[in-house]
């Protein structure tokens, strides 16, 4: 799980990312990103009830995304506030490796990953 200091708390910060951030989409995943210079970046994962009415399914998707972001965090080339929106329940059925590669592709599309692999 991503550490507490790297997660959003409350809606104010998330709303600023929605308002001023850039949006990148790939395979039912949307990444809204805002560059920050003065503190460590934060991440929020939003899984709507439209994806699944079951909280168990939504929370499992959220936990899988947070874990993938935690592993990708050392490769980020700066501090970013990110909001990741999931639009489809396919993230629940997807193998973790495929989900990781999809997130990696979205981050590369946004230009926020370095080339080195850890």
N, C-alpha and C. Protein backbone atom coordinates (compact mmCIF):
# COMPACT_ATOMS: atom_id res chain seq x y z
N UNK A 1 0.85 -1.18 0.00
CA UNK A 1 0.00 0.00 0.00
C UNK A 1 0.89 1.24 0.00
N UNK A 2 0.44 2.23 -0.68
CA UNK A 2 1.13 3.51 -0.75
C UNK A 2 1.11 4.17 0.64
N UNK A 3 2.21 4.80 1.03
CA UNK A 3 2.27 5.40 2.36
C UNK A 3 1.25 6.54 2.50
N UNK A 4 0.89 6.83 3.72
CA UNK A 4 -0.15 7.82 4.01
C UNK A 4 0.21 9.21 3.49
N UNK A 5 1.49 9.57 3.56
CA UNK A 5 1.90 10.90 3.11
C UNK A 5 1.78 11.06 1.60
N UNK A 6 1.67 9.96 0.87
CA UNK A 6 1.55 10.01 -0.59
C UNK A 6 0.13 9.82 -1.08
N UNK A 7 -0.85 9.91 -0.16
CA UNK A 7 -2.25 9.80 -0.55
C UNK A 7 -2.98 11.10 -0.21
N UNK A 8 -4.01 11.40 -0.98
CA UNK A 8 -4.81 12.60 -0.72
C UNK A 8 -5.67 12.39 0.52
N UNK A 9 -5.96 13.50 1.19
CA UNK A 9 -6.87 13.49 2.33
C UNK A 9 -7.83 14.64 2.14
N UNK A 10 -9.07 14.34 1.88
CA UNK A 10 -10.06 15.37 1.61
C UNK A 10 -10.20 15.66 0.13
N UNK A 11 -11.16 16.50 -0.20
CA UNK A 11 -11.48 16.77 -1.60
C UNK A 11 -10.80 18.01 -2.17
N UNK A 12 -10.28 18.88 -1.34
CA UNK A 12 -9.74 20.15 -1.82
C UNK A 12 -8.58 19.94 -2.80
N UNK A 13 -7.62 19.10 -2.44
CA UNK A 13 -6.48 18.84 -3.31
C UNK A 13 -6.87 18.12 -4.58
N UNK A 14 -7.80 17.18 -4.47
CA UNK A 14 -8.26 16.45 -5.64
C UNK A 14 -8.96 17.40 -6.62
N UNK A 15 -9.75 18.31 -6.08
CA UNK A 15 -10.45 19.26 -6.95
C UNK A 15 -9.47 20.15 -7.71
N UNK A 16 -8.36 20.51 -7.09
CA UNK A 16 -7.38 21.34 -7.81
C UNK A 16 -6.72 20.55 -8.94
N UNK A 17 -6.52 19.25 -8.74
CA UNK A 17 -5.96 18.42 -9.82
C UNK A 17 -6.97 18.32 -10.97
N UNK A 18 -8.25 18.15 -10.64
CA UNK A 18 -9.27 18.11 -11.68
C UNK A 18 -9.34 19.44 -12.44
N UNK A 19 -9.16 20.54 -11.73
CA UNK A 19 -9.30 21.86 -12.35
C UNK A 19 -8.10 22.25 -13.20
N UNK A 20 -6.87 21.99 -12.70
CA UNK A 20 -5.66 22.49 -13.37
C UNK A 20 -4.81 21.41 -14.02
N UNK A 21 -5.09 20.14 -13.77
CA UNK A 21 -4.23 19.07 -14.26
C UNK A 21 -4.49 18.69 -15.70
N UNK A 22 -3.52 17.99 -16.28
CA UNK A 22 -3.64 17.46 -17.65
C UNK A 22 -4.24 16.07 -17.58
N UNK A 23 -4.99 15.69 -18.60
CA UNK A 23 -5.66 14.40 -18.62
C UNK A 23 -5.06 13.50 -19.69
N UNK A 24 -4.84 12.23 -19.33
CA UNK A 24 -4.33 11.21 -20.25
C UNK A 24 -5.19 9.97 -20.09
N UNK A 25 -5.68 9.40 -21.20
CA UNK A 25 -6.55 8.23 -21.16
C UNK A 25 -5.92 7.05 -21.89
N UNK A 26 -6.18 5.86 -21.36
CA UNK A 26 -5.74 4.64 -22.02
C UNK A 26 -6.51 3.46 -21.43
N UNK A 27 -7.18 2.69 -22.27
CA UNK A 27 -7.85 1.45 -21.86
C UNK A 27 -8.71 1.59 -20.60
N UNK A 28 -9.67 2.48 -20.62
CA UNK A 28 -10.60 2.68 -19.51
C UNK A 28 -9.94 3.17 -18.22
N UNK A 29 -8.73 3.70 -18.33
CA UNK A 29 -8.05 4.32 -17.19
C UNK A 29 -7.73 5.75 -17.58
N UNK A 30 -8.08 6.66 -16.71
CA UNK A 30 -7.79 8.07 -16.94
C UNK A 30 -6.83 8.55 -15.87
N UNK A 31 -5.77 9.22 -16.28
CA UNK A 31 -4.79 9.79 -15.36
C UNK A 31 -4.84 11.30 -15.50
N UNK A 32 -5.18 11.96 -14.41
CA UNK A 32 -5.14 13.42 -14.38
C UNK A 32 -3.97 13.78 -13.49
N UNK A 33 -3.05 14.60 -14.01
CA UNK A 33 -1.77 14.82 -13.35
C UNK A 33 -1.45 16.31 -13.27
N UNK A 34 -0.87 16.71 -12.15
CA UNK A 34 -0.49 18.10 -11.91
C UNK A 34 0.89 18.11 -11.27
N UNK A 35 1.84 18.77 -11.93
CA UNK A 35 3.23 18.83 -11.43
C UNK A 35 3.31 19.72 -10.20
N UNK A 36 4.01 19.25 -9.17
CA UNK A 36 4.24 20.01 -7.94
C UNK A 36 5.73 20.03 -7.66
N UNK A 37 6.25 21.16 -7.21
CA UNK A 37 7.68 21.28 -6.95
C UNK A 37 8.01 21.37 -5.47
N UNK A 38 7.07 21.81 -4.65
CA UNK A 38 7.41 22.14 -3.27
C UNK A 38 7.13 21.04 -2.26
N UNK A 39 6.59 19.91 -2.65
CA UNK A 39 6.37 18.80 -1.72
C UNK A 39 6.20 17.51 -2.49
N UNK A 40 6.23 16.41 -1.75
CA UNK A 40 6.08 15.10 -2.39
C UNK A 40 4.70 14.97 -3.02
N UNK A 41 4.63 14.26 -4.12
CA UNK A 41 3.37 14.09 -4.82
C UNK A 41 2.41 13.19 -4.06
N UNK A 42 1.13 13.30 -4.43
CA UNK A 42 0.09 12.50 -3.81
C UNK A 42 -0.70 11.79 -4.90
N UNK A 43 -1.38 10.72 -4.52
CA UNK A 43 -2.12 9.91 -5.47
C UNK A 43 -3.51 9.62 -4.89
N UNK A 44 -4.51 9.68 -5.75
CA UNK A 44 -5.86 9.24 -5.40
C UNK A 44 -6.35 8.32 -6.51
N UNK A 45 -7.05 7.27 -6.12
CA UNK A 45 -7.65 6.35 -7.08
C UNK A 45 -9.17 6.45 -6.90
N UNK A 46 -9.87 6.77 -7.98
CA UNK A 46 -11.31 6.94 -7.93
C UNK A 46 -11.96 5.83 -8.74
N UNK A 47 -12.78 5.02 -8.06
CA UNK A 47 -13.52 3.95 -8.72
C UNK A 47 -14.99 4.20 -8.42
N UNK A 48 -15.74 4.58 -9.42
CA UNK A 48 -17.13 4.96 -9.27
C UNK A 48 -18.03 3.76 -9.00
N UNK A 49 -19.19 4.04 -8.43
CA UNK A 49 -20.19 2.99 -8.25
C UNK A 49 -20.73 2.50 -9.58
N UNK A 50 -20.53 3.27 -10.64
CA UNK A 50 -20.94 2.82 -11.97
C UNK A 50 -20.09 1.64 -12.43
N UNK A 51 -18.88 1.53 -11.91
CA UNK A 51 -18.01 0.40 -12.24
C UNK A 51 -18.57 -0.87 -11.63
N UNK A 52 -18.90 -0.81 -10.34
CA UNK A 52 -19.49 -1.95 -9.66
C UNK A 52 -20.23 -1.45 -8.43
N UNK A 53 -21.38 -2.02 -8.17
CA UNK A 53 -22.14 -1.64 -6.98
C UNK A 53 -21.51 -2.23 -5.73
N UNK A 54 -20.69 -3.25 -5.89
CA UNK A 54 -20.07 -3.93 -4.75
C UNK A 54 -18.83 -3.17 -4.27
N UNK A 55 -18.82 -2.80 -2.99
CA UNK A 55 -17.67 -2.10 -2.41
C UNK A 55 -16.45 -3.01 -2.40
N UNK A 56 -16.65 -4.31 -2.27
CA UNK A 56 -15.54 -5.25 -2.27
C UNK A 56 -14.78 -5.19 -3.59
N UNK A 57 -15.50 -5.16 -4.68
CA UNK A 57 -14.88 -5.10 -6.01
C UNK A 57 -14.16 -3.76 -6.19
N UNK A 58 -14.83 -2.66 -5.84
CA UNK A 58 -14.22 -1.34 -6.00
C UNK A 58 -12.96 -1.21 -5.15
N UNK A 59 -12.99 -1.70 -3.93
CA UNK A 59 -11.82 -1.59 -3.05
C UNK A 59 -10.67 -2.47 -3.52
N UNK A 60 -10.98 -3.63 -4.09
CA UNK A 60 -9.91 -4.49 -4.61
C UNK A 60 -9.23 -3.81 -5.80
N UNK A 61 -10.00 -3.20 -6.67
CA UNK A 61 -9.43 -2.47 -7.80
C UNK A 61 -8.54 -1.35 -7.27
N UNK A 62 -9.03 -0.61 -6.29
CA UNK A 62 -8.28 0.51 -5.71
C UNK A 62 -6.97 0.04 -5.09
N UNK A 63 -7.01 -1.05 -4.33
CA UNK A 63 -5.79 -1.57 -3.71
C UNK A 63 -4.77 -2.03 -4.74
N UNK A 64 -5.22 -2.66 -5.81
CA UNK A 64 -4.31 -3.11 -6.86
C UNK A 64 -3.64 -1.93 -7.55
N UNK A 65 -4.40 -0.87 -7.80
CA UNK A 65 -3.84 0.32 -8.45
C UNK A 65 -2.82 0.99 -7.53
N UNK A 66 -3.16 1.13 -6.25
CA UNK A 66 -2.23 1.74 -5.29
C UNK A 66 -0.91 0.96 -5.22
N UNK A 67 -0.99 -0.35 -5.26
CA UNK A 67 0.23 -1.17 -5.19
C UNK A 67 1.08 -0.96 -6.44
N UNK A 68 0.46 -0.91 -7.61
CA UNK A 68 1.20 -0.67 -8.84
C UNK A 68 1.85 0.71 -8.82
N UNK A 69 1.14 1.71 -8.32
CA UNK A 69 1.70 3.07 -8.23
C UNK A 69 2.87 3.08 -7.25
N UNK A 70 2.76 2.34 -6.16
CA UNK A 70 3.85 2.27 -5.18
C UNK A 70 5.12 1.72 -5.82
N UNK A 71 4.96 0.72 -6.68
CA UNK A 71 6.13 0.13 -7.35
C UNK A 71 6.68 1.06 -8.44
N UNK A 72 5.83 1.87 -9.04
CA UNK A 72 6.28 2.80 -10.08
C UNK A 72 6.82 4.10 -9.50
N UNK A 73 6.56 4.37 -8.25
CA UNK A 73 6.94 5.65 -7.64
C UNK A 73 8.43 5.98 -7.73
N UNK A 74 9.36 5.04 -7.54
CA UNK A 74 10.78 5.40 -7.66
C UNK A 74 11.18 5.84 -9.07
N UNK A 75 10.40 5.49 -10.08
CA UNK A 75 10.71 5.85 -11.45
C UNK A 75 10.10 7.19 -11.88
N UNK A 76 9.32 7.82 -11.02
CA UNK A 76 8.74 9.12 -11.37
C UNK A 76 9.84 10.16 -11.47
N UNK A 77 9.75 11.01 -12.48
CA UNK A 77 10.80 12.01 -12.70
C UNK A 77 10.43 13.37 -12.12
N UNK A 78 9.71 13.37 -11.04
CA UNK A 78 9.30 14.60 -10.37
C UNK A 78 8.22 14.31 -9.36
N UNK A 79 7.72 15.37 -8.75
CA UNK A 79 6.63 15.24 -7.79
C UNK A 79 5.33 15.65 -8.46
N UNK A 80 4.37 14.75 -8.45
CA UNK A 80 3.10 14.97 -9.12
C UNK A 80 1.95 14.67 -8.18
N UNK A 81 0.88 15.44 -8.33
CA UNK A 81 -0.40 15.07 -7.75
C UNK A 81 -1.15 14.34 -8.85
N UNK A 82 -1.65 13.13 -8.57
CA UNK A 82 -2.30 12.31 -9.58
C UNK A 82 -3.65 11.84 -9.09
N UNK A 83 -4.61 11.85 -9.99
CA UNK A 83 -5.91 11.23 -9.73
C UNK A 83 -6.12 10.22 -10.85
N UNK A 84 -6.27 8.96 -10.46
CA UNK A 84 -6.47 7.88 -11.42
C UNK A 84 -7.93 7.46 -11.34
N UNK A 85 -8.65 7.59 -12.46
CA UNK A 85 -10.05 7.20 -12.55
C UNK A 85 -10.16 5.88 -13.29
N UNK A 86 -10.94 4.97 -12.75
CA UNK A 86 -11.19 3.68 -13.39
C UNK A 86 -12.61 3.70 -13.92
N UNK A 87 -12.78 3.37 -15.19
CA UNK A 87 -14.08 3.46 -15.83
C UNK A 87 -14.73 2.11 -16.12
N UNK A 88 -14.03 1.01 -15.84
CA UNK A 88 -14.56 -0.28 -16.25
C UNK A 88 -14.16 -1.34 -15.23
N UNK A 89 -15.00 -2.32 -15.03
CA UNK A 89 -14.72 -3.39 -14.08
C UNK A 89 -13.65 -4.35 -14.60
N UNK A 90 -13.19 -4.16 -15.81
CA UNK A 90 -12.17 -5.04 -16.37
C UNK A 90 -10.88 -5.00 -15.54
N UNK A 91 -10.64 -3.93 -14.81
CA UNK A 91 -9.46 -3.84 -13.94
C UNK A 91 -9.53 -4.88 -12.82
N UNK A 92 -10.72 -5.32 -12.47
CA UNK A 92 -10.89 -6.35 -11.44
C UNK A 92 -10.47 -7.72 -11.96
N UNK A 93 -10.81 -8.02 -13.19
CA UNK A 93 -10.52 -9.33 -13.78
C UNK A 93 -9.14 -9.41 -14.42
N UNK A 94 -8.53 -8.27 -14.67
CA UNK A 94 -7.24 -8.21 -15.35
C UNK A 94 -6.14 -8.80 -14.46
N UNK A 95 -5.19 -9.52 -15.07
CA UNK A 95 -4.03 -10.00 -14.32
C UNK A 95 -3.25 -8.80 -13.82
N UNK A 96 -2.61 -8.96 -12.67
CA UNK A 96 -1.89 -7.83 -12.07
C UNK A 96 -0.79 -7.33 -13.00
N UNK A 97 -0.09 -8.23 -13.68
CA UNK A 97 0.99 -7.83 -14.58
C UNK A 97 0.46 -6.95 -15.72
N UNK A 98 -0.72 -7.32 -16.25
CA UNK A 98 -1.32 -6.53 -17.33
C UNK A 98 -1.76 -5.16 -16.81
N UNK A 99 -2.30 -5.13 -15.60
CA UNK A 99 -2.70 -3.86 -15.00
C UNK A 99 -1.49 -2.96 -14.77
N UNK A 100 -0.39 -3.55 -14.31
CA UNK A 100 0.84 -2.80 -14.07
C UNK A 100 1.37 -2.20 -15.38
N UNK A 101 1.39 -3.01 -16.44
CA UNK A 101 1.87 -2.53 -17.74
C UNK A 101 0.97 -1.43 -18.28
N UNK A 102 -0.34 -1.55 -18.09
CA UNK A 102 -1.26 -0.52 -18.54
C UNK A 102 -1.01 0.80 -17.81
N UNK A 103 -0.83 0.72 -16.50
CA UNK A 103 -0.52 1.93 -15.73
C UNK A 103 0.82 2.52 -16.15
N UNK A 104 1.78 1.65 -16.39
CA UNK A 104 3.09 2.11 -16.85
C UNK A 104 2.96 2.84 -18.19
N UNK A 105 2.13 2.31 -19.09
CA UNK A 105 1.91 2.95 -20.38
C UNK A 105 1.23 4.32 -20.23
N UNK A 106 0.26 4.42 -19.32
CA UNK A 106 -0.41 5.71 -19.09
C UNK A 106 0.59 6.71 -18.53
N UNK A 107 1.44 6.29 -17.59
CA UNK A 107 2.45 7.19 -17.02
C UNK A 107 3.46 7.62 -18.08
N UNK A 108 3.85 6.69 -18.96
CA UNK A 108 4.77 7.05 -20.05
C UNK A 108 4.11 8.03 -21.01
N UNK A 109 2.84 7.83 -21.30
CA UNK A 109 2.10 8.75 -22.17
C UNK A 109 2.07 10.15 -21.56
N UNK A 110 1.97 10.21 -20.23
CA UNK A 110 1.96 11.51 -19.54
C UNK A 110 3.36 12.10 -19.44
N UNK A 111 4.40 11.29 -19.69
CA UNK A 111 5.77 11.78 -19.65
C UNK A 111 6.32 11.94 -18.25
N UNK A 112 5.81 11.17 -17.30
CA UNK A 112 6.27 11.36 -15.92
C UNK A 112 7.14 10.21 -15.42
N UNK A 113 7.49 9.24 -16.28
CA UNK A 113 8.37 8.14 -15.87
C UNK A 113 9.74 8.27 -16.53
N UNK A 114 10.77 7.87 -15.78
CA UNK A 114 12.10 7.76 -16.36
C UNK A 114 12.21 6.40 -17.02
N UNK A 115 13.27 6.18 -17.76
CA UNK A 115 13.43 4.91 -18.49
C UNK A 115 13.97 3.79 -17.62
N UNK A 116 14.61 4.12 -16.53
CA UNK A 116 15.24 3.06 -15.72
C UNK A 116 14.19 2.20 -15.05
N UNK A 117 14.49 0.92 -14.94
CA UNK A 117 13.60 -0.03 -14.27
C UNK A 117 14.25 -0.43 -12.96
N UNK A 118 13.42 -0.57 -11.90
CA UNK A 118 13.99 -0.98 -10.61
C UNK A 118 13.78 -2.44 -10.35
